[in-house]
Amino acid sequence: MSKIGYIRVSTEHQETARQEALMKQYQVERIFAEKLSGKNTDRPELKAMLEYVRDGDTLYIESISRLGRSTRDLLNIIDVLQQKRVTLVSSKENIDTNTPQGRFVLSIFAALSELEREQTLQRQREGIAIAKAQGKYKGRQPIPINWKRFSHLYEQWKSGTITAVEFRNQMGLRSNTFYRRLDEYKRKYNK
């Protein structure tokens, strides 16, 4: 019977110190931490934690939103924990799934967490629509390209002197942007 902690923040720039302090208060023995969005369950440390926990363990989290943002994802995670007979304790919501009340409250908070995320996305979409209507939002600006340099590297790539990865890296482009620019170049110069 171990005390396990799961810590998550959404971006690399956010700090985990507050959650780490909470884990010390709970005297957890193992912490799984990551800096990734909670929009889905495709998170390495979440998966590792779910594989690691076993019958009799207690999982401590700062808030249910740290586990997941959608009700479906959260309930699936809770289901895995229940199948493994792992107790979940959430500090912020004061939830302990060892009790029927804790399990009930958890399902309510999961629904509220999903509602909050959907409302945030809706407000974002509405704000962008208003900004577009006012001519203030143009979307993401394209990365400027030195077409002369691109053309030179393109010829080297076509002749087999450099690889596509070297071409892309020398242009300083990410993979998706590189291939979009490659298509644009071919259309523009009939290559």
N, C-alpha and C. Protein backbone atom coordinates (compact mmCIF):
# COMPACT_ATOMS: atom_id res chain seq x y z
N MET A 1 0.86 -1.19 0.00
CA MET A 1 0.00 0.00 0.00
C MET A 1 0.89 1.23 0.00
N SER A 2 0.97 1.87 -1.18
CA SER A 2 1.83 3.04 -1.36
C SER A 2 1.02 4.30 -1.56
N LYS A 3 1.67 5.41 -1.23
CA LYS A 3 1.11 6.72 -1.51
C LYS A 3 1.78 7.23 -2.77
N ILE A 4 0.97 7.47 -3.80
CA ILE A 4 1.46 7.89 -5.10
C ILE A 4 0.94 9.30 -5.37
N GLY A 5 1.76 10.13 -5.99
CA GLY A 5 1.33 11.48 -6.36
C GLY A 5 1.38 11.67 -7.86
N TYR A 6 0.41 12.42 -8.38
CA TYR A 6 0.43 12.79 -9.79
C TYR A 6 0.35 14.31 -9.88
N ILE A 7 1.31 14.91 -10.55
CA ILE A 7 1.41 16.35 -10.72
C ILE A 7 1.38 16.67 -12.20
N ARG A 8 0.59 17.68 -12.58
CA ARG A 8 0.57 18.11 -13.97
C ARG A 8 0.32 19.61 -14.05
N VAL A 9 1.07 20.26 -14.92
CA VAL A 9 0.79 21.63 -15.33
C VAL A 9 0.68 21.61 -16.84
N SER A 10 0.04 22.62 -17.42
CA SER A 10 -0.28 22.58 -18.84
C SER A 10 0.87 22.95 -19.77
N THR A 11 1.82 23.76 -19.29
CA THR A 11 2.90 24.20 -20.18
C THR A 11 4.24 24.11 -19.47
N GLU A 12 5.31 24.16 -20.26
CA GLU A 12 6.67 24.12 -19.73
C GLU A 12 6.96 25.32 -18.83
N HIS A 13 6.26 26.43 -19.06
CA HIS A 13 6.55 27.66 -18.32
C HIS A 13 5.89 27.70 -16.94
N GLN A 14 4.98 26.80 -16.67
CA GLN A 14 4.30 26.78 -15.38
C GLN A 14 5.12 25.99 -14.37
N GLU A 15 4.97 26.38 -13.12
CA GLU A 15 5.72 25.75 -12.03
C GLU A 15 4.89 24.67 -11.33
N THR A 16 5.58 23.68 -10.81
CA THR A 16 4.91 22.58 -10.10
C THR A 16 5.14 22.66 -8.59
N ALA A 17 5.80 23.73 -8.12
CA ALA A 17 6.21 23.82 -6.71
C ALA A 17 5.05 23.67 -5.73
N ARG A 18 3.91 24.29 -6.03
CA ARG A 18 2.76 24.21 -5.13
C ARG A 18 2.26 22.77 -5.00
N GLN A 19 2.20 22.08 -6.14
CA GLN A 19 1.74 20.69 -6.12
C GLN A 19 2.77 19.79 -5.43
N GLU A 20 4.06 20.09 -5.64
CA GLU A 20 5.11 19.31 -4.99
C GLU A 20 5.04 19.47 -3.47
N ALA A 21 4.77 20.69 -2.99
CA ALA A 21 4.64 20.93 -1.55
C ALA A 21 3.48 20.12 -0.98
N LEU A 22 2.39 20.06 -1.73
CA LEU A 22 1.22 19.28 -1.31
C LEU A 22 1.58 17.80 -1.19
N MET A 23 2.35 17.29 -2.14
CA MET A 23 2.76 15.88 -2.11
C MET A 23 3.63 15.59 -0.89
N LYS A 24 4.45 16.56 -0.50
CA LYS A 24 5.26 16.39 0.71
C LYS A 24 4.37 16.31 1.94
N GLN A 25 3.31 17.13 1.97
CA GLN A 25 2.37 17.08 3.10
C GLN A 25 1.71 15.71 3.20
N TYR A 26 1.38 15.14 2.06
CA TYR A 26 0.76 13.82 2.05
C TYR A 26 1.78 12.69 2.25
N GLN A 27 3.05 13.03 2.23
CA GLN A 27 4.15 12.08 2.39
C GLN A 27 4.09 10.97 1.34
N VAL A 28 3.89 11.40 0.08
CA VAL A 28 3.84 10.42 -1.00
C VAL A 28 5.22 9.81 -1.22
N GLU A 29 5.22 8.57 -1.65
CA GLU A 29 6.47 7.83 -1.84
C GLU A 29 6.98 7.92 -3.27
N ARG A 30 6.07 8.12 -4.23
CA ARG A 30 6.47 8.19 -5.65
C ARG A 30 5.62 9.25 -6.32
N ILE A 31 6.27 10.12 -7.10
CA ILE A 31 5.56 11.19 -7.80
C ILE A 31 5.74 11.01 -9.30
N PHE A 32 4.66 11.13 -10.03
CA PHE A 32 4.68 11.17 -11.48
C PHE A 32 4.31 12.60 -11.87
N ALA A 33 5.18 13.28 -12.59
CA ALA A 33 4.95 14.69 -12.92
C ALA A 33 5.19 14.95 -14.39
N GLU A 34 4.37 15.85 -14.97
CA GLU A 34 4.57 16.23 -16.36
C GLU A 34 4.03 17.62 -16.64
N LYS A 35 4.52 18.18 -17.71
CA LYS A 35 4.12 19.52 -18.14
C LYS A 35 3.49 19.40 -19.52
N LEU A 36 2.24 18.94 -19.53
CA LEU A 36 1.48 18.73 -20.76
C LEU A 36 0.03 19.11 -20.55
N SER A 37 -0.64 19.48 -21.60
CA SER A 37 -2.06 19.79 -21.53
C SER A 37 -2.86 18.58 -21.08
N GLY A 38 -3.95 18.83 -20.38
CA GLY A 38 -4.82 17.76 -19.93
C GLY A 38 -5.98 17.50 -20.87
N LYS A 39 -5.87 18.01 -22.11
CA LYS A 39 -6.99 17.88 -23.03
C LYS A 39 -7.28 16.44 -23.44
N ASN A 40 -6.26 15.56 -23.31
CA ASN A 40 -6.49 14.13 -23.56
C ASN A 40 -5.60 13.31 -22.65
N THR A 41 -5.70 12.00 -22.76
CA THR A 41 -4.95 11.12 -21.85
C THR A 41 -3.65 10.61 -22.45
N ASP A 42 -3.26 11.17 -23.56
CA ASP A 42 -2.01 10.75 -24.21
C ASP A 42 -0.83 11.46 -23.54
N ARG A 43 -0.58 11.08 -22.28
CA ARG A 43 0.48 11.69 -21.49
C ARG A 43 1.33 10.58 -20.88
N PRO A 44 2.64 10.60 -21.13
CA PRO A 44 3.51 9.50 -20.69
C PRO A 44 3.48 9.24 -19.18
N GLU A 45 3.53 10.29 -18.38
CA GLU A 45 3.58 10.09 -16.93
C GLU A 45 2.23 9.61 -16.39
N LEU A 46 1.14 10.05 -17.01
CA LEU A 46 -0.18 9.56 -16.61
C LEU A 46 -0.26 8.06 -16.89
N LYS A 47 0.17 7.66 -18.08
CA LYS A 47 0.14 6.24 -18.44
C LYS A 47 1.04 5.42 -17.51
N ALA A 48 2.22 5.96 -17.23
CA ALA A 48 3.16 5.26 -16.33
C ALA A 48 2.56 5.11 -14.93
N MET A 49 1.91 6.16 -14.46
CA MET A 49 1.29 6.12 -13.13
C MET A 49 0.17 5.08 -13.10
N LEU A 50 -0.67 5.06 -14.14
CA LEU A 50 -1.78 4.11 -14.17
C LEU A 50 -1.28 2.67 -14.24
N GLU A 51 -0.13 2.45 -14.87
CA GLU A 51 0.45 1.10 -14.90
C GLU A 51 1.09 0.76 -13.55
N TYR A 52 1.63 1.74 -12.88
CA TYR A 52 2.37 1.53 -11.64
C TYR A 52 1.48 1.21 -10.44
N VAL A 53 0.36 1.93 -10.31
CA VAL A 53 -0.48 1.78 -9.12
C VAL A 53 -1.06 0.38 -9.03
N ARG A 54 -1.28 -0.07 -7.78
CA ARG A 54 -1.84 -1.40 -7.57
C ARG A 54 -2.78 -1.42 -6.36
N ASP A 55 -3.40 -2.51 -6.17
CA ASP A 55 -4.39 -2.72 -5.11
C ASP A 55 -3.89 -2.17 -3.77
N GLY A 56 -4.70 -1.31 -3.18
CA GLY A 56 -4.38 -0.76 -1.86
C GLY A 56 -3.65 0.57 -1.89
N ASP A 57 -3.14 0.98 -3.07
CA ASP A 57 -2.44 2.26 -3.16
C ASP A 57 -3.44 3.42 -3.06
N THR A 58 -2.91 4.59 -2.72
CA THR A 58 -3.70 5.81 -2.73
C THR A 58 -3.01 6.80 -3.65
N LEU A 59 -3.79 7.35 -4.58
CA LEU A 59 -3.28 8.35 -5.51
C LEU A 59 -3.71 9.73 -5.02
N TYR A 60 -2.73 10.62 -4.85
CA TYR A 60 -2.99 11.99 -4.41
C TYR A 60 -2.80 12.95 -5.57
N ILE A 61 -3.78 13.84 -5.73
CA ILE A 61 -3.69 14.89 -6.75
C ILE A 61 -4.10 16.21 -6.12
N GLU A 62 -3.63 17.29 -6.72
CA GLU A 62 -3.98 18.62 -6.21
C GLU A 62 -5.43 18.95 -6.55
N SER A 63 -5.85 18.58 -7.76
CA SER A 63 -7.19 18.87 -8.24
C SER A 63 -7.55 17.85 -9.31
N ILE A 64 -8.84 17.57 -9.49
CA ILE A 64 -9.24 16.60 -10.51
C ILE A 64 -8.88 17.09 -11.91
N SER A 65 -8.77 18.40 -12.09
CA SER A 65 -8.40 18.92 -13.41
C SER A 65 -6.97 18.52 -13.78
N ARG A 66 -6.18 18.11 -12.81
CA ARG A 66 -4.82 17.65 -13.10
C ARG A 66 -4.85 16.30 -13.81
N LEU A 67 -5.86 15.49 -13.52
CA LEU A 67 -5.99 14.17 -14.17
C LEU A 67 -6.53 14.30 -15.59
N GLY A 68 -7.57 15.12 -15.77
CA GLY A 68 -8.17 15.24 -17.09
C GLY A 68 -9.18 16.35 -17.16
N ARG A 69 -9.42 16.81 -18.38
CA ARG A 69 -10.35 17.91 -18.60
C ARG A 69 -11.72 17.45 -19.08
N SER A 70 -11.79 16.30 -19.72
CA SER A 70 -13.10 15.85 -20.19
C SER A 70 -13.68 14.85 -19.20
N THR A 71 -14.98 14.87 -19.07
CA THR A 71 -15.65 13.95 -18.16
C THR A 71 -15.36 12.51 -18.55
N ARG A 72 -15.40 12.23 -19.86
CA ARG A 72 -15.15 10.87 -20.33
C ARG A 72 -13.74 10.40 -19.94
N ASP A 73 -12.73 11.24 -20.21
CA ASP A 73 -11.35 10.87 -19.86
C ASP A 73 -11.21 10.66 -18.35
N LEU A 74 -11.75 11.58 -17.60
CA LEU A 74 -11.63 11.49 -16.15
C LEU A 74 -12.33 10.24 -15.62
N LEU A 75 -13.51 9.97 -16.12
CA LEU A 75 -14.23 8.78 -15.65
C LEU A 75 -13.52 7.49 -16.07
N ASN A 76 -12.89 7.50 -17.24
CA ASN A 76 -12.10 6.33 -17.66
C ASN A 76 -10.91 6.12 -16.73
N ILE A 77 -10.26 7.21 -16.36
CA ILE A 77 -9.12 7.11 -15.43
C ILE A 77 -9.60 6.60 -14.08
N ILE A 78 -10.72 7.14 -13.61
CA ILE A 78 -11.29 6.72 -12.33
C ILE A 78 -11.65 5.23 -12.39
N ASP A 79 -12.19 4.81 -13.54
CA ASP A 79 -12.56 3.40 -13.71
C ASP A 79 -11.33 2.50 -13.58
N VAL A 80 -10.22 2.91 -14.22
CA VAL A 80 -8.97 2.14 -14.12
C VAL A 80 -8.54 2.06 -12.66
N LEU A 81 -8.59 3.20 -11.97
CA LEU A 81 -8.18 3.23 -10.56
C LEU A 81 -9.08 2.33 -9.71
N GLN A 82 -10.38 2.36 -9.98
CA GLN A 82 -11.31 1.53 -9.21
C GLN A 82 -11.08 0.04 -9.50
N GLN A 83 -10.84 -0.32 -10.77
CA GLN A 83 -10.56 -1.72 -11.10
C GLN A 83 -9.32 -2.22 -10.39
N LYS A 84 -8.35 -1.33 -10.21
CA LYS A 84 -7.12 -1.70 -9.53
C LYS A 84 -7.23 -1.52 -8.01
N ARG A 85 -8.41 -1.10 -7.55
CA ARG A 85 -8.68 -0.85 -6.13
C ARG A 85 -7.72 0.19 -5.55
N VAL A 86 -7.58 1.29 -6.30
CA VAL A 86 -6.73 2.41 -5.88
C VAL A 86 -7.65 3.54 -5.43
N THR A 87 -7.37 4.07 -4.25
CA THR A 87 -8.14 5.20 -3.72
C THR A 87 -7.61 6.49 -4.32
N LEU A 88 -8.51 7.40 -4.67
CA LEU A 88 -8.12 8.70 -5.20
C LEU A 88 -8.46 9.76 -4.16
N VAL A 89 -7.46 10.61 -3.87
CA VAL A 89 -7.68 11.73 -2.95
C VAL A 89 -7.32 13.01 -3.70
N SER A 90 -8.32 13.92 -3.82
CA SER A 90 -8.10 15.21 -4.46
C SER A 90 -8.19 16.30 -3.41
N SER A 91 -7.10 17.03 -3.23
CA SER A 91 -7.01 18.03 -2.17
C SER A 91 -7.99 19.18 -2.37
N LYS A 92 -7.98 19.79 -3.55
CA LYS A 92 -8.78 20.99 -3.79
C LYS A 92 -10.27 20.74 -3.59
N GLU A 93 -10.75 19.63 -4.10
CA GLU A 93 -12.18 19.33 -4.01
C GLU A 93 -12.54 18.54 -2.76
N ASN A 94 -11.53 18.18 -1.97
CA ASN A 94 -11.74 17.41 -0.75
C ASN A 94 -12.49 16.11 -1.05
N ILE A 95 -11.97 15.37 -2.01
CA ILE A 95 -12.59 14.12 -2.46
C ILE A 95 -11.74 12.94 -2.02
N ASP A 96 -12.41 11.93 -1.52
CA ASP A 96 -11.75 10.67 -1.17
C ASP A 96 -12.66 9.56 -1.68
N THR A 97 -12.21 8.84 -2.72
CA THR A 97 -13.06 7.84 -3.36
C THR A 97 -13.22 6.57 -2.54
N ASN A 98 -12.69 6.58 -1.33
CA ASN A 98 -12.96 5.46 -0.43
C ASN A 98 -14.39 5.50 0.07
N THR A 99 -15.04 6.65 -0.13
CA THR A 99 -16.41 6.82 0.37
C THR A 99 -17.39 6.97 -0.79
N PRO A 100 -18.66 6.56 -0.62
CA PRO A 100 -19.65 6.74 -1.68
C PRO A 100 -19.85 8.23 -2.00
N GLN A 101 -19.81 9.07 -0.97
CA GLN A 101 -19.96 10.51 -1.19
C GLN A 101 -18.81 11.04 -2.05
N GLY A 102 -17.62 10.56 -1.79
CA GLY A 102 -16.45 10.98 -2.57
C GLY A 102 -16.59 10.61 -4.03
N ARG A 103 -17.07 9.40 -4.31
CA ARG A 103 -17.27 8.96 -5.69
C ARG A 103 -18.34 9.79 -6.38
N PHE A 104 -19.42 10.11 -5.67
CA PHE A 104 -20.50 10.93 -6.23
C PHE A 104 -20.00 12.34 -6.53
N VAL A 105 -19.33 12.94 -5.59
CA VAL A 105 -18.82 14.30 -5.77
C VAL A 105 -17.82 14.35 -6.92
N LEU A 106 -17.02 13.31 -7.05
CA LEU A 106 -16.03 13.26 -8.12
C LEU A 106 -16.71 13.32 -9.49
N SER A 107 -17.79 12.58 -9.67
CA SER A 107 -18.47 12.59 -10.96
C SER A 107 -19.05 13.98 -11.27
N ILE A 108 -19.51 14.70 -10.25
CA ILE A 108 -20.02 16.06 -10.44
C ILE A 108 -18.88 17.00 -10.85
N PHE A 109 -17.77 16.93 -10.13
CA PHE A 109 -16.63 17.79 -10.45
C PHE A 109 -16.06 17.49 -11.83
N ALA A 110 -16.09 16.25 -12.24
CA ALA A 110 -15.61 15.90 -13.58
C ALA A 110 -16.46 16.60 -14.63
N ALA A 111 -17.77 16.60 -14.46
CA ALA A 111 -18.67 17.27 -15.40
C ALA A 111 -18.42 18.77 -15.40
N LEU A 112 -18.21 19.35 -14.23
CA LEU A 112 -17.93 20.79 -14.15
C LEU A 112 -16.60 21.15 -14.81
N SER A 113 -15.61 20.31 -14.66
CA SER A 113 -14.31 20.55 -15.28
C SER A 113 -14.43 20.57 -16.79
N GLU A 114 -15.20 19.63 -17.34
CA GLU A 114 -15.40 19.59 -18.79
C GLU A 114 -16.17 20.82 -19.25
N LEU A 115 -17.19 21.22 -18.50
CA LEU A 115 -17.97 22.41 -18.83
C LEU A 115 -17.07 23.64 -18.86
N GLU A 116 -16.19 23.77 -17.88
CA GLU A 116 -15.28 24.91 -17.82
C GLU A 116 -14.39 24.96 -19.06
N ARG A 117 -13.85 23.83 -19.46
CA ARG A 117 -12.99 23.79 -20.65
C ARG A 117 -13.77 24.15 -21.91
N GLU A 118 -14.98 23.62 -22.06
CA GLU A 118 -15.79 23.92 -23.24
C GLU A 118 -16.16 25.40 -23.29
N GLN A 119 -16.47 25.98 -22.13
CA GLN A 119 -16.79 27.41 -22.09
C GLN A 119 -15.58 28.27 -22.45
N THR A 120 -14.42 27.87 -21.99
CA THR A 120 -13.19 28.60 -22.33
C THR A 120 -12.95 28.58 -23.83
N LEU A 121 -13.09 27.40 -24.45
CA LEU A 121 -12.91 27.28 -25.89
C LEU A 121 -13.96 28.07 -26.66
N GLN A 122 -15.19 28.07 -26.16
CA GLN A 122 -16.26 28.82 -26.81
C GLN A 122 -15.98 30.32 -26.75
N ARG A 123 -15.54 30.81 -25.57
CA ARG A 123 -15.20 32.23 -25.44
C ARG A 123 -14.05 32.60 -26.36
N GLN A 124 -13.09 31.69 -26.49
CA GLN A 124 -11.95 31.94 -27.38
C GLN A 124 -12.43 32.05 -28.83
N ARG A 125 -13.29 31.12 -29.26
CA ARG A 125 -13.81 31.17 -30.63
C ARG A 125 -14.61 32.45 -30.87
N GLU A 126 -15.43 32.84 -29.88
CA GLU A 126 -16.22 34.06 -30.02
C GLU A 126 -15.33 35.29 -30.10
N GLY A 127 -14.29 35.32 -29.28
CA GLY A 127 -13.36 36.45 -29.29
C GLY A 127 -12.64 36.57 -30.62
N ILE A 128 -12.23 35.43 -31.18
CA ILE A 128 -11.56 35.44 -32.48
C ILE A 128 -12.52 35.91 -33.57
N ALA A 129 -13.76 35.45 -33.52
CA ALA A 129 -14.76 35.86 -34.52
C ALA A 129 -14.98 37.38 -34.46
N ILE A 130 -15.08 37.94 -33.27
CA ILE A 130 -15.27 39.38 -33.12
C ILE A 130 -14.05 40.13 -33.64
N ALA A 131 -12.86 39.66 -33.27
CA ALA A 131 -11.63 40.31 -33.72
C ALA A 131 -11.51 40.25 -35.25
N LYS A 132 -11.90 39.11 -35.86
CA LYS A 132 -11.86 39.00 -37.31
C LYS A 132 -12.83 39.98 -37.95
N ALA A 133 -14.03 40.09 -37.37
CA ALA A 133 -15.04 41.01 -37.91
C ALA A 133 -14.55 42.46 -37.83
N GLN A 134 -13.74 42.78 -36.84
CA GLN A 134 -13.20 44.13 -36.67
C GLN A 134 -11.89 44.31 -37.43
N GLY A 135 -11.43 43.25 -38.10
CA GLY A 135 -10.19 43.33 -38.85
C GLY A 135 -8.94 43.32 -37.98
N LYS A 136 -9.08 42.91 -36.74
CA LYS A 136 -7.95 42.91 -35.81
C LYS A 136 -7.23 41.57 -35.74
N TYR A 137 -7.86 40.53 -36.25
CA TYR A 137 -7.28 39.19 -36.15
C TYR A 137 -7.04 38.65 -37.54
N LYS A 138 -5.83 38.35 -37.83
CA LYS A 138 -5.48 37.85 -39.15
C LYS A 138 -5.05 36.39 -39.10
N GLY A 139 -5.08 35.80 -37.91
CA GLY A 139 -4.60 34.44 -37.77
C GLY A 139 -3.10 34.41 -37.61
N ARG A 140 -2.56 33.23 -37.65
CA ARG A 140 -1.13 33.06 -37.51
C ARG A 140 -0.42 33.56 -38.77
N GLN A 141 0.56 34.40 -38.59
CA GLN A 141 1.28 34.97 -39.72
C GLN A 141 2.27 33.94 -40.27
N PRO A 142 2.37 33.87 -41.61
CA PRO A 142 3.31 32.90 -42.19
C PRO A 142 4.76 33.27 -41.86
N ILE A 143 5.59 32.26 -41.75
CA ILE A 143 7.01 32.47 -41.49
C ILE A 143 7.64 32.98 -42.78
N PRO A 144 8.34 34.14 -42.74
CA PRO A 144 8.96 34.64 -43.97
C PRO A 144 10.04 33.67 -44.47
N ILE A 145 10.08 33.50 -45.78
CA ILE A 145 11.02 32.55 -46.39
C ILE A 145 11.96 33.30 -47.33
N ASN A 146 13.22 32.96 -47.22
CA ASN A 146 14.22 33.44 -48.18
C ASN A 146 14.17 32.45 -49.35
N TRP A 147 13.40 32.81 -50.40
CA TRP A 147 13.17 31.89 -51.50
C TRP A 147 14.44 31.60 -52.28
N LYS A 148 15.37 32.56 -52.31
CA LYS A 148 16.65 32.33 -53.01
C LYS A 148 17.43 31.21 -52.31
N ARG A 149 17.50 31.29 -50.99
CA ARG A 149 18.19 30.24 -50.21
C ARG A 149 17.43 28.91 -50.33
N PHE A 150 16.10 29.00 -50.25
CA PHE A 150 15.26 27.81 -50.38
C PHE A 150 15.55 27.12 -51.72
N SER A 151 15.61 27.92 -52.80
CA SER A 151 15.85 27.39 -54.13
C SER A 151 17.22 26.69 -54.20
N HIS A 152 18.23 27.32 -53.63
CA HIS A 152 19.58 26.75 -53.61
C HIS A 152 19.58 25.39 -52.88
N LEU A 153 18.97 25.35 -51.69
CA LEU A 153 18.90 24.11 -50.91
C LEU A 153 18.03 23.06 -51.60
N TYR A 154 16.99 23.52 -52.27
CA TYR A 154 16.11 22.62 -53.01
C TYR A 154 16.91 21.86 -54.07
N GLU A 155 17.74 22.59 -54.80
CA GLU A 155 18.56 21.97 -55.84
C GLU A 155 19.53 20.96 -55.23
N GLN A 156 20.12 21.30 -54.08
CA GLN A 156 21.03 20.36 -53.40
C GLN A 156 20.28 19.10 -52.98
N TRP A 157 19.07 19.30 -52.49
CA TRP A 157 18.24 18.17 -52.04
C TRP A 157 17.87 17.28 -53.23
N LYS A 158 17.45 17.89 -54.32
CA LYS A 158 17.05 17.12 -55.50
C LYS A 158 18.23 16.34 -56.07
N SER A 159 19.44 16.89 -55.96
CA SER A 159 20.61 16.20 -56.50
C SER A 159 21.14 15.15 -55.53
N GLY A 160 20.60 15.10 -54.31
CA GLY A 160 21.02 14.10 -53.33
C GLY A 160 22.20 14.53 -52.49
N THR A 161 22.60 15.80 -52.59
CA THR A 161 23.73 16.31 -51.81
C THR A 161 23.36 16.44 -50.33
N ILE A 162 22.09 16.82 -50.06
CA ILE A 162 21.61 16.92 -48.67
C ILE A 162 20.29 16.16 -48.55
N THR A 163 19.97 15.80 -47.32
CA THR A 163 18.70 15.11 -47.06
C THR A 163 17.60 16.12 -46.82
N ALA A 164 16.36 15.66 -46.82
CA ALA A 164 15.23 16.54 -46.53
C ALA A 164 15.35 17.11 -45.13
N VAL A 165 15.83 16.30 -44.18
CA VAL A 165 15.99 16.78 -42.80
C VAL A 165 17.02 17.89 -42.74
N GLU A 166 18.15 17.72 -43.46
CA GLU A 166 19.16 18.78 -43.49
C GLU A 166 18.60 20.04 -44.14
N PHE A 167 17.87 19.87 -45.22
CA PHE A 167 17.23 20.98 -45.92
C PHE A 167 16.32 21.74 -44.95
N ARG A 168 15.46 21.00 -44.31
CA ARG A 168 14.51 21.59 -43.35
C ARG A 168 15.24 22.32 -42.23
N ASN A 169 16.26 21.66 -41.65
CA ASN A 169 16.99 22.26 -40.53
C ASN A 169 17.73 23.53 -40.95
N GLN A 170 18.31 23.53 -42.15
CA GLN A 170 19.02 24.72 -42.61
C GLN A 170 18.08 25.88 -42.85
N MET A 171 16.84 25.57 -43.17
CA MET A 171 15.83 26.62 -43.35
C MET A 171 15.20 27.03 -42.02
N GLY A 172 15.45 26.22 -40.97
CA GLY A 172 14.90 26.54 -39.66
C GLY A 172 13.39 26.35 -39.58
N LEU A 173 12.90 25.34 -40.27
CA LEU A 173 11.45 25.09 -40.33
C LEU A 173 11.10 23.79 -39.64
N ARG A 174 9.92 23.77 -39.06
CA ARG A 174 9.39 22.51 -38.53
C ARG A 174 8.89 21.67 -39.71
N SER A 175 8.71 20.40 -39.45
CA SER A 175 8.37 19.45 -40.50
C SER A 175 7.14 19.87 -41.31
N ASN A 176 6.03 20.17 -40.62
CA ASN A 176 4.79 20.52 -41.32
C ASN A 176 4.98 21.77 -42.17
N THR A 177 5.61 22.79 -41.60
CA THR A 177 5.84 24.04 -42.31
C THR A 177 6.75 23.81 -43.51
N PHE A 178 7.78 23.01 -43.33
CA PHE A 178 8.71 22.71 -44.42
C PHE A 178 7.98 22.10 -45.61
N TYR A 179 7.15 21.10 -45.37
CA TYR A 179 6.47 20.44 -46.48
C TYR A 179 5.41 21.34 -47.12
N ARG A 180 4.78 22.22 -46.34
CA ARG A 180 3.85 23.19 -46.93
C ARG A 180 4.62 24.15 -47.83
N ARG A 181 5.79 24.61 -47.36
CA ARG A 181 6.61 25.53 -48.17
C ARG A 181 7.17 24.83 -49.40
N LEU A 182 7.48 23.58 -49.28
CA LEU A 182 7.97 22.80 -50.42
C LEU A 182 6.90 22.74 -51.50
N ASP A 183 5.65 22.46 -51.09
CA ASP A 183 4.54 22.43 -52.04
C ASP A 183 4.34 23.80 -52.67
N GLU A 184 4.41 24.84 -51.85
CA GLU A 184 4.24 26.21 -52.33
C GLU A 184 5.34 26.54 -53.36
N TYR A 185 6.57 26.15 -53.06
CA TYR A 185 7.70 26.40 -53.95
C TYR A 185 7.49 25.70 -55.29
N LYS A 186 7.06 24.45 -55.23
CA LYS A 186 6.85 23.69 -56.47
C LYS A 186 5.76 24.32 -57.32
N ARG A 187 4.69 24.79 -56.69
CA ARG A 187 3.60 25.47 -57.44
C ARG A 187 4.09 26.79 -58.02
N LYS A 188 4.82 27.52 -57.22
CA LYS A 188 5.28 28.87 -57.59
C LYS A 188 6.27 28.83 -58.75
N TYR A 189 7.17 27.86 -58.73
CA TYR A 189 8.24 27.80 -59.72
C TYR A 189 8.13 26.59 -60.66
N ASN A 190 6.97 25.95 -60.66
CA ASN A 190 6.70 24.80 -61.53
C ASN A 190 7.80 23.75 -61.46
N LYS A 191 8.17 23.37 -60.25
CA LYS A 191 9.24 22.38 -60.04
C LYS A 191 8.67 20.99 -59.95
